[in-house]
């Protein structure tokens, strides 16, 4: 009986002082009887923690996998090149071409440099990072991140916009973020407002370069193409 098992597991975890179940919230979801009933829900982190708590042989494969993931993460911290290799293999398995992967990896490095700079300048929350990133995107492409994802018909929150960009879109994204990094350092921007101003300036540099290129090639480099549509073409 899954319900009874979950009830006993929650009771045991509470007695042990584990706060995982305390942080799990209940939402009204459709039950087998067709009625909306309060159901315990958990995020990914909480689910992993719960799996670690299950005293069953059936949970062992998951526990071993979690240990392996943790070990690989420590490896990547000690040697960043290992992380780069794993990312490269990930994109290769997804079917991306080598030249695109090279640009994507370079873009990741430039992005990391920018976020490190922001962290040193009183930018701490995910919301602040999102605001600044969207500011660069708006100045570079005329679209915020949300608008760009909608333009490319990316509906899932976990779909990374950059994984669905063309070569040129990646290049101008890199230009906007690298320019922002240099302007932020030169102007010694501090806090959200000043960093936002630097982000707008950096993105505007990339935006002007984009428009100049589009004028010369007589077409927009902002593409509706995404990796999902490319995969469909390959399947055909």
C-alpha atoms as a PDB file:
ATOM      1  CA  UNK A   1       0.000   0.000   0.000  1.00  0.00           C
ATOM      2  CA  UNK A   2       1.881   3.120  -1.229  1.00  0.00           C
ATOM      3  CA  UNK A   3      -0.165   5.474   0.955  1.00  0.00           C
ATOM      4  CA  UNK A   4       0.583   3.528   4.143  1.00  0.00           C
ATOM      5  CA  UNK A   5       4.275   3.225   3.193  1.00  0.00           C
ATOM      6  CA  UNK A   6       4.553   6.969   2.595  1.00  0.00           C
ATOM      7  CA  UNK A   7       2.793   7.706   5.887  1.00  0.00           C
ATOM      8  CA  UNK A   8       5.200   5.473   7.830  1.00  0.00           C
ATOM      9  CA  UNK A   9       8.239   6.906   6.011  1.00  0.00           C
ATOM     10  CA  UNK A  10       7.156  10.458   6.840  1.00  0.00           C
ATOM     11  CA  UNK A  11       6.663   9.533  10.477  1.00  0.00           C
ATOM     12  CA  UNK A  12      10.104   7.912  10.687  1.00  0.00           C
ATOM     13  CA  UNK A  13      11.849  10.864   9.027  1.00  0.00           C
ATOM     14  CA  UNK A  14      10.147  13.338  11.366  1.00  0.00           C
ATOM     15  CA  UNK A  15      11.218  11.285  14.387  1.00  0.00           C
ATOM     16  CA  UNK A  16      14.801  11.334  13.069  1.00  0.00           C
ATOM     17  CA  UNK A  17      14.670  15.111  12.719  1.00  0.00           C
ATOM     18  CA  UNK A  18      14.785  15.074   8.902  1.00  0.00           C
ATOM     19  CA  UNK A  19      13.191  18.310   7.634  1.00  0.00           C
ATOM     20  CA  UNK A  20      12.668  17.036   4.078  1.00  0.00           C
ATOM     21  CA  UNK A  21       9.071  15.947   4.662  1.00  0.00           C
ATOM     22  CA  UNK A  22       8.375  19.105   6.671  1.00  0.00           C
ATOM     23  CA  UNK A  23       9.283  21.160   3.597  1.00  0.00           C
ATOM     24  CA  UNK A  24       7.086  19.070   1.291  1.00  0.00           C
ATOM     25  CA  UNK A  25       3.844  20.875   0.515  1.00  0.00           C
ATOM     26  CA  UNK A  26       0.438  19.570  -0.487  1.00  0.00           C
ATOM     27  CA  UNK A  27      -1.335  20.559  -3.683  1.00  0.00           C
ATOM     28  CA  UNK A  28      -4.738  19.582  -4.991  1.00  0.00           C
ATOM     29  CA  UNK A  29      -4.211  17.029  -7.753  1.00  0.00           C
ATOM     30  CA  UNK A  30      -6.535  14.721  -9.644  1.00  0.00           C
ATOM     31  CA  UNK A  31      -6.973  11.477  -7.680  1.00  0.00           C
ATOM     32  CA  UNK A  32      -7.821   8.037  -9.174  1.00  0.00           C
ATOM     33  CA  UNK A  33     -11.462   8.604  -8.210  1.00  0.00           C
ATOM     34  CA  UNK A  34     -11.570  11.703 -10.408  1.00  0.00           C
ATOM     35  CA  UNK A  35     -11.696  14.165  -7.527  1.00  0.00           C
ATOM     36  CA  UNK A  36      -9.196  16.886  -6.649  1.00  0.00           C
ATOM     37  CA  UNK A  37      -7.470  15.866  -3.418  1.00  0.00           C
ATOM     38  CA  UNK A  38      -4.555  17.260  -1.428  1.00  0.00           C
ATOM     39  CA  UNK A  39      -1.414  15.368  -2.443  1.00  0.00           C
ATOM     40  CA  UNK A  40       2.118  15.662  -1.070  1.00  0.00           C
ATOM     41  CA  UNK A  41       4.514  17.048  -3.686  1.00  0.00           C
ATOM     42  CA  UNK A  42       8.285  17.530  -3.708  1.00  0.00           C
ATOM     43  CA  UNK A  43      10.893  19.217  -5.881  1.00  0.00           C
ATOM     44  CA  UNK A  44      13.806  17.343  -7.456  1.00  0.00           C
ATOM     45  CA  UNK A  45      16.181  17.992  -4.558  1.00  0.00           C
ATOM     46  CA  UNK A  46      13.628  16.777  -2.024  1.00  0.00           C
ATOM     47  CA  UNK A  47      12.905  13.641  -4.067  1.00  0.00           C
ATOM     48  CA  UNK A  48      16.595  12.753  -4.176  1.00  0.00           C
ATOM     49  CA  UNK A  49      16.814  13.202  -0.413  1.00  0.00           C
ATOM     50  CA  UNK A  50      13.771  10.968   0.091  1.00  0.00           C
ATOM     51  CA  UNK A  51      15.279   8.265  -2.119  1.00  0.00           C
ATOM     52  CA  UNK A  52      18.361   8.269   0.102  1.00  0.00           C
ATOM     53  CA  UNK A  53      16.094   7.653   3.098  1.00  0.00           C
ATOM     54  CA  UNK A  54      14.265   4.614   1.701  1.00  0.00           C
ATOM     55  CA  UNK A  55      15.494   1.402   3.433  1.00  0.00           C
ATOM     56  CA  UNK A  56      14.890  -0.883   0.472  1.00  0.00           C
ATOM     57  CA  UNK A  57      17.062  -2.859  -1.939  1.00  0.00           C
ATOM     58  CA  UNK A  58      14.943  -1.481  -4.769  1.00  0.00           C
ATOM     59  CA  UNK A  59      16.270   2.002  -3.967  1.00  0.00           C
ATOM     60  CA  UNK A  60      19.930   0.915  -4.119  1.00  0.00           C
ATOM     61  CA  UNK A  61      20.415   1.584  -7.873  1.00  0.00           C
ATOM     62  CA  UNK A  62      19.172   5.149  -7.373  1.00  0.00           C
ATOM     63  CA  UNK A  63      21.408   5.637  -4.338  1.00  0.00           C
ATOM     64  CA  UNK A  64      24.443   4.416  -6.302  1.00  0.00           C
ATOM     65  CA  UNK A  65      23.561   6.768  -9.148  1.00  0.00           C
ATOM     66  CA  UNK A  66      23.266   9.715  -6.736  1.00  0.00           C
ATOM     67  CA  UNK A  67      26.662   8.827  -5.267  1.00  0.00           C
ATOM     68  CA  UNK A  68      28.154   8.685  -8.776  1.00  0.00           C
ATOM     69  CA  UNK A  69      26.682  12.087  -9.679  1.00  0.00           C
ATOM     70  CA  UNK A  70      28.071  13.563  -6.457  1.00  0.00           C
ATOM     71  CA  UNK A  71      31.496  12.081  -7.156  1.00  0.00           C
ATOM     72  CA  UNK A  72      31.509  13.471 -10.708  1.00  0.00           C
ATOM     73  CA  UNK A  73      30.557  16.921  -9.409  1.00  0.00           C
ATOM     74  CA  UNK A  74      33.515  16.891  -6.999  1.00  0.00           C
ATOM     75  CA  UNK A  75      35.754  15.833  -9.903  1.00  0.00           C
ATOM     76  CA  UNK A  76      34.537  18.792 -11.956  1.00  0.00           C
ATOM     77  CA  UNK A  77      35.220  21.229  -9.111  1.00  0.00           C
ATOM     78  CA  UNK A  78      38.767  19.898  -8.727  1.00  0.00           C
ATOM     79  CA  UNK A  79      39.371  19.763 -12.487  1.00  0.00           C
ATOM     80  CA  UNK A  80      37.058  21.995 -14.609  1.00  0.00           C
ATOM     81  CA  UNK A  81      38.334  20.368 -17.824  1.00  0.00           C
ATOM     82  CA  UNK A  82      36.522  17.168 -16.845  1.00  0.00           C
ATOM     83  CA  UNK A  83      33.290  19.143 -16.674  1.00  0.00           C
ATOM     84  CA  UNK A  84      33.950  20.622 -20.116  1.00  0.00           C
ATOM     85  CA  UNK A  85      34.529  17.145 -21.559  1.00  0.00           C
ATOM     86  CA  UNK A  86      31.265  15.873 -20.088  1.00  0.00           C
ATOM     87  CA  UNK A  87      29.332  18.835 -21.463  1.00  0.00           C
ATOM     88  CA  UNK A  88      30.893  18.250 -24.875  1.00  0.00           C
ATOM     89  CA  UNK A  89      29.872  14.582 -24.842  1.00  0.00           C
ATOM     90  CA  UNK A  90      26.361  15.567 -23.767  1.00  0.00           C
ATOM     91  CA  UNK A  91      25.914  17.820 -26.805  1.00  0.00           C
ATOM     92  CA  UNK A  92      27.484  15.233 -29.109  1.00  0.00           C
ATOM     93  CA  UNK A  93      24.930  12.666 -27.943  1.00  0.00           C
ATOM     94  CA  UNK A  94      22.193  15.224 -28.602  1.00  0.00           C
ATOM     95  CA  UNK A  95      23.359  15.431 -32.218  1.00  0.00           C
ATOM     96  CA  UNK A  96      24.835  18.935 -32.282  1.00  0.00           C
ATOM     97  CA  UNK A  97      27.606  19.634 -34.855  1.00  0.00           C
ATOM     98  CA  UNK A  98      31.182  20.112 -33.615  1.00  0.00           C
ATOM     99  CA  UNK A  99      31.499  23.780 -34.601  1.00  0.00           C
ATOM    100  CA  UNK A 100      28.275  24.604 -32.742  1.00  0.00           C
ATOM    101  CA  UNK A 101      29.501  22.727 -29.658  1.00  0.00           C
ATOM    102  CA  UNK A 102      32.771  24.691 -29.693  1.00  0.00           C
ATOM    103  CA  UNK A 103      30.847  27.976 -29.679  1.00  0.00           C
ATOM    104  CA  UNK A 104      28.483  26.755 -26.974  1.00  0.00           C
ATOM    105  CA  UNK A 105      31.384  25.756 -24.712  1.00  0.00           C
ATOM    106  CA  UNK A 106      33.081  29.110 -25.255  1.00  0.00           C
ATOM    107  CA  UNK A 107      29.797  30.813 -24.456  1.00  0.00           C
ATOM    108  CA  UNK A 108      29.547  28.886 -21.184  1.00  0.00           C
ATOM    109  CA  UNK A 109      33.007  30.111 -20.176  1.00  0.00           C
ATOM    110  CA  UNK A 110      32.129  33.733 -21.016  1.00  0.00           C
ATOM    111  CA  UNK A 111      28.857  33.419 -19.116  1.00  0.00           C
ATOM    112  CA  UNK A 112      30.676  32.029 -16.071  1.00  0.00           C
ATOM    113  CA  UNK A 113      33.105  34.942 -16.124  1.00  0.00           C
ATOM    114  CA  UNK A 114      30.175  37.370 -16.179  1.00  0.00           C
ATOM    115  CA  UNK A 115      28.255  35.696 -13.344  1.00  0.00           C
ATOM    116  CA  UNK A 116      31.420  35.579 -11.226  1.00  0.00           C
ATOM    117  CA  UNK A 117      31.809  39.319 -11.803  1.00  0.00           C
ATOM    118  CA  UNK A 118      28.191  39.930 -10.801  1.00  0.00           C
ATOM    119  CA  UNK A 119      28.586  37.879  -7.622  1.00  0.00           C
ATOM    120  CA  UNK A 120      31.435  40.181  -6.595  1.00  0.00           C
ATOM    121  CA  UNK A 121      29.163  43.190  -7.109  1.00  0.00           C
ATOM    122  CA  UNK A 122      26.254  42.484  -4.757  1.00  0.00           C
ATOM    123  CA  UNK A 123      24.227  40.401  -7.224  1.00  0.00           C
ATOM    124  CA  UNK A 124      23.129  37.364  -5.246  1.00  0.00           C
ATOM    125  CA  UNK A 125      19.646  36.100  -6.082  1.00  0.00           C
ATOM    126  CA  UNK A 126      18.478  34.067  -9.077  1.00  0.00           C
ATOM    127  CA  UNK A 127      15.927  36.781  -9.805  1.00  0.00           C
ATOM    128  CA  UNK A 128      18.655  39.436 -10.056  1.00  0.00           C
ATOM    129  CA  UNK A 129      20.708  37.246 -12.406  1.00  0.00           C
ATOM    130  CA  UNK A 130      17.586  36.702 -14.532  1.00  0.00           C
ATOM    131  CA  UNK A 131      16.855  40.449 -14.688  1.00  0.00           C
ATOM    132  CA  UNK A 132      20.392  41.273 -15.840  1.00  0.00           C
ATOM    133  CA  UNK A 133      20.486  38.419 -18.363  1.00  0.00           C
ATOM    134  CA  UNK A 134      17.187  39.533 -19.865  1.00  0.00           C
ATOM    135  CA  UNK A 135      18.494  43.111 -20.043  1.00  0.00           C
ATOM    136  CA  UNK A 136      21.453  41.963 -22.157  1.00  0.00           C
ATOM    137  CA  UNK A 137      19.167  39.855 -24.351  1.00  0.00           C
ATOM    138  CA  UNK A 138      16.723  42.731 -24.852  1.00  0.00           C
ATOM    139  CA  UNK A 139      19.512  45.111 -25.862  1.00  0.00           C
ATOM    140  CA  UNK A 140      21.161  42.508 -28.118  1.00  0.00           C
ATOM    141  CA  UNK A 141      18.167  40.935 -29.846  1.00  0.00           C
ATOM    142  CA  UNK A 142      15.237  43.172 -28.945  1.00  0.00           C
ATOM    143  CA  UNK A 143      13.718  40.349 -26.905  1.00  0.00           C
ATOM    144  CA  UNK A 144      13.854  39.354 -23.252  1.00  0.00           C
ATOM    145  CA  UNK A 145      14.714  35.734 -22.456  1.00  0.00           C
ATOM    146  CA  UNK A 146      11.033  34.922 -21.964  1.00  0.00           C
ATOM    147  CA  UNK A 147      10.051  36.578 -25.245  1.00  0.00           C
ATOM    148  CA  UNK A 148      12.878  34.814 -27.083  1.00  0.00           C
ATOM    149  CA  UNK A 149      11.850  31.389 -25.745  1.00  0.00           C
ATOM    150  CA  UNK A 150       8.275  32.062 -26.792  1.00  0.00           C
ATOM    151  CA  UNK A 151       9.514  33.160 -30.239  1.00  0.00           C
ATOM    152  CA  UNK A 152      11.335  29.829 -30.604  1.00  0.00           C
ATOM    153  CA  UNK A 153       8.309  27.948 -29.236  1.00  0.00           C
ATOM    154  CA  UNK A 154      10.171  26.597 -26.211  1.00  0.00           C
ATOM    155  CA  UNK A 155       7.416  25.820 -23.745  1.00  0.00           C
ATOM    156  CA  UNK A 156       9.179  23.959 -20.941  1.00  0.00           C
ATOM    157  CA  UNK A 157      10.871  25.973 -18.192  1.00  0.00           C
ATOM    158  CA  UNK A 158      13.904  23.686 -18.176  1.00  0.00           C
ATOM    159  CA  UNK A 159      14.614  24.223 -21.886  1.00  0.00           C
ATOM    160  CA  UNK A 160      17.777  26.317 -22.131  1.00  0.00           C
ATOM    161  CA  UNK A 161      17.393  29.023 -24.777  1.00  0.00           C
ATOM    162  CA  UNK A 162      21.065  28.849 -25.754  1.00  0.00           C
ATOM    163  CA  UNK A 163      20.773  25.166 -26.596  1.00  0.00           C
ATOM    164  CA  UNK A 164      18.358  26.212 -29.335  1.00  0.00           C
ATOM    165  CA  UNK A 165      20.331  29.112 -30.795  1.00  0.00           C
ATOM    166  CA  UNK A 166      22.033  29.188 -34.179  1.00  0.00           C
ATOM    167  CA  UNK A 167      25.765  29.862 -34.519  1.00  0.00           C
ATOM    168  CA  UNK A 168      25.204  33.585 -35.086  1.00  0.00           C
ATOM    169  CA  UNK A 169      22.794  33.888 -32.181  1.00  0.00           C
ATOM    170  CA  UNK A 170      25.405  32.294 -29.922  1.00  0.00           C
ATOM    171  CA  UNK A 171      28.115  34.613 -31.239  1.00  0.00           C
ATOM    172  CA  UNK A 172      26.108  37.777 -30.545  1.00  0.00           C
ATOM    173  CA  UNK A 173      25.089  36.431 -27.141  1.00  0.00           C
ATOM    174  CA  UNK A 174      28.778  36.011 -26.336  1.00  0.00           C
ATOM    175  CA  UNK A 175      29.564  39.511 -27.602  1.00  0.00           C
ATOM    176  CA  UNK A 176      26.829  41.018 -25.432  1.00  0.00           C
ATOM    177  CA  UNK A 177      27.946  39.182 -22.305  1.00  0.00           C
ATOM    178  CA  UNK A 178      31.673  39.732 -22.826  1.00  0.00           C
ATOM    179  CA  UNK A 179      31.060  43.436 -23.470  1.00  0.00           C
ATOM    180  CA  UNK A 180      28.957  43.599 -20.302  1.00  0.00           C
ATOM    181  CA  UNK A 181      31.741  41.992 -18.272  1.00  0.00           C
ATOM    182  CA  UNK A 182      34.326  44.508 -19.469  1.00  0.00           C
ATOM    183  CA  UNK A 183      32.018  47.521 -18.988  1.00  0.00           C
ATOM    184  CA  UNK A 184      31.013  46.304 -15.524  1.00  0.00           C
ATOM    185  CA  UNK A 185      34.661  46.061 -14.483  1.00  0.00           C
ATOM    186  CA  UNK A 186      35.670  49.375 -16.060  1.00  0.00           C
ATOM    187  CA  UNK A 187      32.789  51.318 -14.489  1.00  0.00           C
ATOM    188  CA  UNK A 188      33.048  49.369 -11.210  1.00  0.00           C
ATOM    189  CA  UNK A 189      29.296  48.770 -11.196  1.00  0.00           C
ATOM    190  CA  UNK A 190      27.824  47.839  -7.811  1.00  0.00           C
ATOM    191  CA  UNK A 191      24.341  46.564  -7.064  1.00  0.00           C
ATOM    192  CA  UNK A 192      21.446  45.770  -9.361  1.00  0.00           C
ATOM    193  CA  UNK A 193      20.784  49.232 -10.814  1.00  0.00           C
ATOM    194  CA  UNK A 194      24.386  49.940 -11.812  1.00  0.00           C
ATOM    195  CA  UNK A 195      24.929  46.410 -13.137  1.00  0.00           C
ATOM    196  CA  UNK A 196      21.696  46.714 -15.111  1.00  0.00           C
ATOM    197  CA  UNK A 197      22.995  49.898 -16.733  1.00  0.00           C
ATOM    198  CA  UNK A 198      26.234  48.102 -17.674  1.00  0.00           C
ATOM    199  CA  UNK A 199      24.221  45.148 -18.991  1.00  0.00           C
ATOM    200  CA  UNK A 200      22.225  47.481 -21.218  1.00  0.00           C
ATOM    201  CA  UNK A 201      25.415  49.076 -22.557  1.00  0.00           C
ATOM    202  CA  UNK A 202      27.060  45.705 -23.202  1.00  0.00           C
ATOM    203  CA  UNK A 203      23.980  44.303 -24.892  1.00  0.00           C
ATOM    204  CA  UNK A 204      23.599  47.462 -26.985  1.00  0.00           C
ATOM    205  CA  UNK A 205      27.104  46.989 -28.400  1.00  0.00           C
ATOM    206  CA  UNK A 206      26.103  43.510 -29.572  1.00  0.00           C
ATOM    207  CA  UNK A 207      22.746  44.851 -30.757  1.00  0.00           C
ATOM    208  CA  UNK A 208      24.361  47.477 -32.997  1.00  0.00           C
ATOM    209  CA  UNK A 209      26.755  44.870 -34.407  1.00  0.00           C
ATOM    210  CA  UNK A 210      23.811  42.534 -35.093  1.00  0.00           C
ATOM    211  CA  UNK A 211      21.878  45.229 -36.947  1.00  0.00           C
ATOM    212  CA  UNK A 212      24.958  46.149 -38.987  1.00  0.00           C
ATOM    213  CA  UNK A 213      25.416  42.523 -40.048  1.00  0.00           C
ATOM    214  CA  UNK A 214      21.721  42.124 -40.858  1.00  0.00           C
ATOM    215  CA  UNK A 215      21.886  45.249 -43.025  1.00  0.00           C
ATOM    216  CA  UNK A 216      24.778  43.782 -44.998  1.00  0.00           C
ATOM    217  CA  UNK A 217      23.412  40.247 -45.386  1.00  0.00           C
ATOM    218  CA  UNK A 218      19.855  41.559 -45.897  1.00  0.00           C
ATOM    219  CA  UNK A 219      18.200  39.163 -43.442  1.00  0.00           C
ATOM    220  CA  UNK A 220      17.607  38.782 -39.729  1.00  0.00           C
ATOM    221  CA  UNK A 221      19.907  36.531 -37.723  1.00  0.00           C
ATOM    222  CA  UNK A 222      17.149  36.038 -35.131  1.00  0.00           C
ATOM    223  CA  UNK A 223      15.828  32.602 -35.992  1.00  0.00           C
ATOM    224  CA  UNK A 224      12.734  30.633 -35.009  1.00  0.00           C
ATOM    225  CA  UNK A 225      14.746  27.448 -35.455  1.00  0.00           C
ATOM    226  CA  UNK A 226      15.339  25.335 -32.382  1.00  0.00           C
ATOM    227  CA  UNK A 227      17.080  22.025 -31.790  1.00  0.00           C
ATOM    228  CA  UNK A 228      13.715  20.296 -31.464  1.00  0.00           C
ATOM    229  CA  UNK A 229      12.743  21.225 -35.029  1.00  0.00           C
ATOM    230  CA  UNK A 230      16.207  20.247 -36.263  1.00  0.00           C
ATOM    231  CA  UNK A 231      15.773  16.791 -34.723  1.00  0.00           C
ATOM    232  CA  UNK A 232      12.454  16.396 -36.520  1.00  0.00           C
ATOM    233  CA  UNK A 233      14.188  17.151 -39.832  1.00  0.00           C
ATOM    234  CA  UNK A 234      16.808  14.474 -39.093  1.00  0.00           C
ATOM    235  CA  UNK A 235      14.099  11.929 -38.218  1.00  0.00           C
ATOM    236  CA  UNK A 236      12.519  12.456 -41.627  1.00  0.00           C
END
